[in-house]
Amino acid sequence: MSQSKISSFFRPSRPESEVPCLRSDPISPSSSPVSPPVPPSLDSADLRSKNVNGSDSTSAKVVNKKRSYAQYHLELGQSDFILHHCAVCGMMYSRGDDDDEKAHKLYHKEYCEGITFKRWKNEKVVASFCDNNDRVVLVEDSDLSAHKQKVSQVIITVEKELGFGKGLLLHPHCKVYMYISSHKIAGCLVAEPIKDAHRVISENSIISTFSEDKVISTRSNKTMIFGNFSFAREVFRKCNSDKKTKEGNLNLGAITCEEEAVPAALGFRAIWVVPSRRRKGIASHLMDAARKSYYPGVMVETCKCAFTPPTSDGNALAYKYFKTGSFLVYRMDR
């Protein structure tokens, strides 16, 4: 058997006339063929450098970027899903937001401990206390703008807590007294001139109707029979009226005033003390300073001072300061 030639194991190449031409314009047959681009030749040194440095940059790219993480939340019907309400300072903020968290932390600290205060060069000190270096500073509408800006910062907190509308607490005739302690504003009093006020009806007249203990007897229809004796059950209920009958401790939720107005000179428009310093006499120091300095050279008597319609805490403060439940109350016209 004869051996096949080696050329029989290879396919014959296609003739040059059968090779398709690449044209730039497939519509025009007269356009010249365009040859595919020929890659540049690489020598052995380039190949070795590619093997050392890794694969070609066109084949793979390594992106060296820091991975960012995002906090995701599940909404399951929470009332404070978008904004959280702080039960202490009352501020609404977004949890997880760094800016909101920092703002709330600062406001919460100022609300509980007091607003930071740096000593002014020409501050008006109307009262000072040598035992603890505390003082009361007066700010009027004619003072420097920097002083009034600090007062505005305090008034924002006072308006939020006492329920005043924004920008409704101050007017040009008001004077602001700030209690400074340990480089912080621990209390604030807004005072204004008034002409008359109404006296609160003392709670003694209301309490007198419950002053006597009453015994109510109720006879039951149930009887108990033992032999020839029958016993009817009778229940005695003692109405004890000794529930905060002391004047000033009975909180009826509303105050009643006399219709006839009486002359007054000084109105305490708003009083505020930081929660951490309450019931330590700061409010009384502020009212004393206002009575001494509001009218130059005149000491206003307590019977000429009046409160705006107070809250339950304000009612207790007024009773403690005036030593009576029949203090004066005036209506804010502005």
Protein backbone atom coordinates (compact mmCIF):
# COMPACT_ATOMS: atom_id res chain seq x y z
CA MET A 1 0.00 0.00 0.00
CA SER A 2 1.43 3.30 -1.09
CA GLN A 3 1.82 6.07 1.50
CA SER A 4 -0.21 9.30 1.08
CA LYS A 5 1.56 12.51 0.42
CA ILE A 6 1.87 15.00 3.21
CA SER A 7 0.03 17.67 1.17
CA SER A 8 -3.15 15.62 1.38
CA PHE A 9 -3.41 16.29 5.10
CA PHE A 10 -3.77 20.10 4.59
CA ARG A 11 -6.66 21.99 3.10
CA PRO A 12 -5.78 24.11 0.12
CA SER A 13 -5.88 27.85 0.82
CA ARG A 14 -8.67 29.89 -0.74
CA PRO A 15 -7.68 31.80 -3.83
CA GLU A 16 -7.08 35.51 -3.38
CA SER A 17 -10.01 36.38 -5.59
CA GLU A 18 -12.45 34.69 -3.17
CA VAL A 19 -11.29 36.63 -0.10
CA PRO A 20 -14.00 39.25 0.79
CA CYS A 21 -12.90 42.85 0.84
CA LEU A 22 -13.77 45.22 3.69
CA ARG A 23 -15.20 48.44 2.33
CA SER A 24 -15.77 51.68 4.17
CA ASP A 25 -18.89 52.32 2.13
CA PRO A 26 -20.94 49.18 1.49
CA ILE A 27 -23.19 51.05 -0.94
CA SER A 28 -20.48 52.33 -3.24
CA PRO A 29 -18.67 49.46 -4.99
CA SER A 30 -15.93 51.78 -6.19
CA SER A 31 -14.59 52.57 -2.75
CA SER A 32 -11.23 51.08 -1.92
CA PRO A 33 -10.98 48.27 0.61
CA VAL A 34 -9.91 49.13 4.12
CA SER A 35 -7.48 46.79 5.77
CA PRO A 36 -7.96 45.99 9.44
CA PRO A 37 -5.51 47.75 11.76
CA VAL A 38 -2.37 45.80 12.49
CA PRO A 39 -1.32 45.78 16.11
CA PRO A 40 2.16 47.09 16.77
CA SER A 41 4.84 44.55 17.25
CA LEU A 42 6.07 43.84 20.70
CA ASP A 43 9.54 42.81 21.46
CA SER A 44 10.57 40.35 24.12
CA ALA A 45 11.33 43.11 26.67
CA ASP A 46 7.76 44.41 26.45
CA LEU A 47 6.40 40.92 26.91
CA ARG A 48 8.54 40.36 29.97
CA SER A 49 7.38 43.64 31.50
CA LYS A 50 3.75 42.70 30.94
CA ASN A 51 4.28 39.36 32.61
CA VAL A 52 5.87 41.01 35.63
CA ASN A 53 3.41 43.91 36.03
CA GLY A 54 0.38 41.80 35.37
CA SER A 55 -2.16 41.62 32.60
CA ASP A 56 -2.77 44.35 30.07
CA SER A 57 -4.56 47.47 31.37
CA THR A 58 -7.17 47.13 28.64
CA SER A 59 -8.12 43.64 29.76
CA ALA A 60 -8.61 44.34 33.51
CA LYS A 61 -8.71 47.41 35.74
CA VAL A 62 -8.33 47.46 39.51
CA VAL A 63 -10.40 50.22 41.06
CA ASN A 64 -8.96 51.28 44.41
CA LYS A 65 -11.88 53.06 46.02
CA LYS A 66 -13.03 53.10 49.65
CA ARG A 67 -16.20 51.22 50.18
CA SER A 68 -19.06 53.40 51.42
CA TYR A 69 -21.61 52.09 53.87
CA ALA A 70 -25.17 53.36 54.21
CA GLN A 71 -27.51 52.88 57.17
CA TYR A 72 -30.84 51.40 56.22
CA HIS A 73 -34.00 51.48 58.36
CA LEU A 74 -37.17 49.43 58.40
CA GLU A 75 -40.44 51.33 58.48
CA LEU A 76 -42.80 49.32 60.67
CA GLY A 77 -45.32 52.03 61.44
CA GLN A 78 -43.21 53.97 63.95
CA SER A 79 -44.63 57.37 64.84
CA ASP A 80 -41.16 58.92 64.87
CA PHE A 81 -39.72 57.13 61.85
CA ILE A 82 -38.60 60.28 60.01
CA LEU A 83 -38.04 62.66 62.95
CA HIS A 84 -37.51 61.69 66.56
CA HIS A 85 -38.99 63.83 69.33
CA CYS A 86 -36.84 64.24 72.44
CA ALA A 87 -39.10 63.94 75.48
CA VAL A 88 -36.79 66.14 77.59
CA CYS A 89 -35.87 69.14 75.44
CA GLY A 90 -38.66 68.78 72.87
CA MET A 91 -36.39 69.01 69.83
CA MET A 92 -37.25 67.12 66.62
CA TYR A 93 -34.24 65.56 64.90
CA SER A 94 -33.33 62.76 62.53
CA ARG A 95 -31.63 59.78 64.07
CA GLY A 96 -28.55 58.56 62.25
CA ASP A 97 -27.84 61.97 60.73
CA ASP A 98 -24.54 63.24 62.14
CA ASP A 99 -25.46 66.92 61.77
CA ASP A 100 -28.85 66.45 63.43
CA GLU A 101 -27.36 64.34 66.21
CA LYS A 102 -24.74 67.02 66.99
CA ALA A 103 -27.34 69.81 66.89
CA HIS A 104 -29.63 67.90 69.25
CA LYS A 105 -26.79 67.09 71.63
CA LEU A 106 -25.80 70.77 71.86
CA TYR A 107 -29.39 72.00 72.27
CA HIS A 108 -30.18 69.30 74.83
CA LYS A 109 -27.15 70.24 76.93
CA GLU A 110 -28.00 73.96 76.80
CA TYR A 111 -31.62 73.24 77.65
CA CYS A 112 -30.77 71.14 80.72
CA GLU A 113 -27.65 72.95 82.00
CA GLY A 114 -27.94 76.47 80.57
CA ILE A 115 -26.76 78.45 77.55
CA THR A 116 -23.06 79.24 77.46
CA PHE A 117 -22.30 82.84 78.36
CA LYS A 118 -18.98 84.71 78.18
CA ARG A 119 -18.58 87.81 80.29
CA TRP A 120 -19.25 91.09 78.47
CA LYS A 121 -17.00 94.10 78.94
CA ASN A 122 -19.85 96.54 79.55
CA GLU A 123 -22.58 94.30 80.93
CA LYS A 124 -25.21 95.81 83.24
CA VAL A 125 -25.06 93.87 86.49
CA VAL A 126 -28.11 94.73 88.60
CA ALA A 127 -27.61 92.08 91.28
CA SER A 128 -24.64 89.98 92.39
CA PHE A 129 -24.19 87.21 94.93
CA CYS A 130 -20.79 86.98 96.58
CA ASP A 131 -21.22 83.48 97.94
CA ASN A 132 -21.16 81.78 94.52
CA ASN A 133 -20.17 84.61 92.12
CA ASP A 134 -23.58 84.50 90.43
CA ARG A 135 -25.09 87.69 89.01
CA VAL A 136 -28.12 89.09 87.22
CA VAL A 137 -27.48 90.94 83.93
CA LEU A 138 -29.94 93.39 82.40
CA VAL A 139 -30.39 93.76 78.62
CA GLU A 140 -32.55 96.51 77.11
CA ASP A 141 -33.68 97.25 73.58
CA SER A 142 -31.12 100.07 73.26
CA ASP A 143 -28.13 97.84 74.08
CA LEU A 144 -25.52 96.53 71.64
CA SER A 145 -26.61 94.20 68.87
CA ALA A 146 -24.25 91.48 70.13
CA HIS A 147 -26.04 91.54 73.50
CA LYS A 148 -29.45 91.37 71.86
CA GLN A 149 -28.34 88.44 69.69
CA LYS A 150 -27.50 86.48 72.82
CA VAL A 151 -30.88 87.38 74.27
CA SER A 152 -32.57 86.15 71.08
CA GLN A 153 -30.87 82.80 71.52
CA VAL A 154 -32.28 82.52 75.04
CA ILE A 155 -35.74 83.72 74.02
CA ILE A 156 -36.02 80.93 71.43
CA THR A 157 -35.70 78.37 74.22
CA VAL A 158 -38.12 80.27 76.47
CA GLU A 159 -40.75 80.55 73.73
CA LYS A 160 -40.59 76.83 72.99
CA GLU A 161 -41.00 75.75 76.59
CA LEU A 162 -43.61 78.27 77.70
CA GLY A 163 -45.71 77.95 74.53
CA PHE A 164 -45.27 81.43 73.08
CA GLY A 165 -45.51 81.90 69.33
CA LYS A 166 -42.27 82.59 67.54
CA GLY A 167 -41.32 86.24 67.91
CA LEU A 168 -44.30 87.08 70.17
CA LEU A 169 -42.53 87.23 73.53
CA LEU A 170 -40.41 90.39 73.17
CA HIS A 171 -41.35 93.93 72.23
CA PRO A 172 -39.36 97.21 72.44
CA HIS A 173 -40.62 98.08 75.95
CA CYS A 174 -39.49 94.77 77.46
CA LYS A 175 -36.41 94.40 79.65
CA VAL A 176 -34.66 91.04 79.89
CA TYR A 177 -32.95 89.83 83.07
CA MET A 178 -30.57 86.88 82.80
CA TYR A 179 -29.23 84.91 85.74
CA ILE A 180 -25.58 83.98 85.10
CA SER A 181 -24.04 81.07 86.98
CA SER A 182 -20.79 79.23 86.14
CA HIS A 183 -20.56 80.90 82.71
CA LYS A 184 -24.06 79.73 81.81
CA ILE A 185 -27.46 81.42 81.56
CA ALA A 186 -29.45 79.54 84.18
CA GLY A 187 -32.60 81.69 84.14
CA CYS A 188 -34.38 84.46 82.29
CA LEU A 189 -37.09 86.97 83.18
CA VAL A 190 -38.93 89.20 80.70
CA ALA A 191 -40.52 92.23 82.37
CA GLU A 192 -42.70 95.01 80.98
CA PRO A 193 -44.54 98.10 82.29
CA ILE A 194 -48.26 97.73 82.98
CA LYS A 195 -51.03 99.98 84.33
CA ASP A 196 -53.53 97.60 85.90
CA ALA A 197 -54.18 93.98 86.68
CA HIS A 198 -56.83 91.70 88.15
CA ARG A 199 -56.64 90.00 91.50
CA VAL A 200 -56.97 86.23 91.66
CA ILE A 201 -59.82 85.03 93.83
CA SER A 202 -58.32 83.24 96.80
CA GLU A 203 -58.81 79.52 96.98
CA ASN A 204 -59.90 79.81 100.61
CA SER A 205 -63.45 80.55 99.52
CA ILE A 206 -63.44 77.48 97.33
CA ILE A 207 -61.85 75.27 99.92
CA SER A 208 -64.26 76.43 102.65
CA THR A 209 -67.08 74.51 101.02
CA PHE A 210 -65.11 71.32 101.66
CA SER A 211 -63.57 72.29 104.99
CA GLU A 212 -65.84 70.20 107.18
CA ASP A 213 -65.75 66.45 107.18
CA LYS A 214 -69.13 65.02 106.27
CA VAL A 215 -70.40 61.61 107.30
CA ILE A 216 -72.80 60.03 104.87
CA SER A 217 -74.97 57.22 106.18
CA THR A 218 -76.46 54.71 103.79
CA ARG A 219 -78.73 51.95 105.02
CA SER A 220 -78.67 48.66 103.16
CA ASN A 221 -81.71 46.56 102.48
CA LYS A 222 -79.84 43.44 103.51
CA THR A 223 -80.63 42.21 107.01
CA MET A 224 -79.11 39.54 109.15
CA ILE A 225 -81.39 37.45 111.43
CA PHE A 226 -80.11 35.60 114.50
CA GLY A 227 -82.98 33.93 116.27
CA ASN A 228 -85.42 36.63 117.35
CA PHE A 229 -83.00 39.46 116.48
CA SER A 230 -82.63 41.09 113.08
CA PHE A 231 -79.70 43.35 112.11
CA ALA A 232 -79.73 45.85 109.27
CA ARG A 233 -76.35 46.76 107.78
CA GLU A 234 -75.56 50.47 107.74
CA VAL A 235 -72.41 51.86 106.02
CA PHE A 236 -70.76 55.08 107.15
CA ARG A 237 -68.56 56.86 104.60
CA LYS A 238 -66.35 59.67 105.80
CA CYS A 239 -65.63 62.39 103.23
CA ASN A 240 -62.13 63.50 104.14
CA SER A 241 -61.56 67.02 102.80
CA ASP A 242 -57.97 67.17 104.02
CA LYS A 243 -56.64 66.72 100.51
CA LYS A 244 -54.30 69.61 99.89
CA THR A 245 -56.60 72.03 101.67
CA LYS A 246 -53.68 74.26 102.39
CA GLU A 247 -53.90 77.46 100.37
CA GLY A 248 -51.84 77.32 97.23
CA ASN A 249 -51.61 73.55 97.05
CA LEU A 250 -55.02 72.95 95.51
CA ASN A 251 -54.58 72.86 91.76
CA LEU A 252 -57.96 73.43 90.15
CA GLY A 253 -56.51 73.68 86.62
CA ALA A 254 -57.77 77.28 86.11
CA ILE A 255 -57.71 80.54 88.00
CA THR A 256 -60.60 82.91 88.66
CA CYS A 257 -60.02 86.66 88.82
CA GLU A 258 -62.04 89.59 90.04
CA GLU A 259 -63.72 91.72 87.40
CA GLU A 260 -62.54 95.03 88.84
CA ALA A 261 -59.00 95.97 87.87
CA VAL A 262 -56.50 97.36 90.38
CA PRO A 263 -53.45 99.59 89.71
CA ALA A 264 -50.19 97.80 88.88
CA ALA A 265 -46.73 98.91 87.72
CA LEU A 266 -44.61 95.92 86.71
CA GLY A 267 -45.58 92.82 84.77
CA PHE A 268 -43.63 89.59 84.70
CA ARG A 269 -44.25 88.51 81.13
CA ALA A 270 -42.28 85.26 81.25
CA ILE A 271 -40.01 83.48 83.73
CA TRP A 272 -37.83 80.52 82.80
CA VAL A 273 -35.18 78.52 84.65
CA VAL A 274 -33.17 75.58 83.32
CA PRO A 275 -34.49 72.24 84.63
CA SER A 276 -31.29 71.41 86.52
CA ARG A 277 -31.45 74.64 88.57
CA ARG A 278 -35.12 74.89 89.41
CA ARG A 279 -36.47 75.32 92.95
CA LYS A 280 -33.22 76.93 94.07
CA GLY A 281 -34.40 80.53 94.32
CA ILE A 282 -33.24 81.72 90.89
CA ALA A 283 -36.70 82.93 89.83
CA SER A 284 -37.07 84.87 93.08
CA HIS A 285 -33.66 86.52 92.56
CA LEU A 286 -34.72 87.57 89.06
CA MET A 287 -37.98 89.11 90.26
CA ASP A 288 -36.19 90.95 93.08
CA ALA A 289 -33.67 92.36 90.60
CA ALA A 290 -36.47 93.51 88.27
CA ARG A 291 -38.34 95.25 91.09
CA LYS A 292 -35.19 97.15 92.11
CA SER A 293 -33.92 98.18 88.68
CA TYR A 294 -36.81 98.43 86.23
CA TYR A 295 -37.68 102.00 87.22
CA PRO A 296 -34.44 103.84 88.14
CA GLY A 297 -34.46 104.89 91.79
CA VAL A 298 -37.80 103.22 92.52
CA MET A 299 -38.41 99.94 94.34
CA VAL A 300 -41.63 98.39 93.04
CA GLU A 301 -43.72 96.81 95.77
CA THR A 302 -44.84 93.22 95.39
CA CYS A 303 -48.48 94.32 95.49
CA LYS A 304 -47.84 96.29 92.27
CA CYS A 305 -46.37 93.32 90.41
CA ALA A 306 -48.42 90.95 88.29
CA PHE A 307 -48.04 87.72 86.33
CA THR A 308 -49.39 86.71 82.98
CA PRO A 309 -51.92 83.83 83.26
CA PRO A 310 -49.64 81.23 84.85
CA THR A 311 -49.21 77.53 84.35
CA SER A 312 -49.44 75.16 87.31
CA ASP A 313 -45.73 75.70 88.01
CA GLY A 314 -46.16 79.45 87.64
CA ASN A 315 -49.10 79.38 90.02
CA ALA A 316 -46.97 77.65 92.65
CA LEU A 317 -44.15 80.16 92.08
CA ALA A 318 -46.49 83.13 92.46
CA TYR A 319 -47.96 81.78 95.69
CA LYS A 320 -44.48 81.16 97.10
CA TYR A 321 -43.16 84.59 96.12
CA PHE A 322 -46.19 86.72 97.10
CA LYS A 323 -47.04 84.58 100.16
CA THR A 324 -50.69 84.56 99.16
CA GLY A 325 -53.00 83.02 96.60
CA SER A 326 -54.54 86.41 95.79
CA PHE A 327 -51.78 87.64 93.49
CA LEU A 328 -52.28 89.87 90.45
CA VAL A 329 -52.69 88.65 86.89
CA TYR A 330 -52.74 90.79 83.75
CA ARG A 331 -53.56 90.14 80.13
CA MET A 332 -50.91 90.59 77.44
CA ASP A 333 -52.11 93.12 74.87
CA ARG A 334 -49.19 92.69 72.48
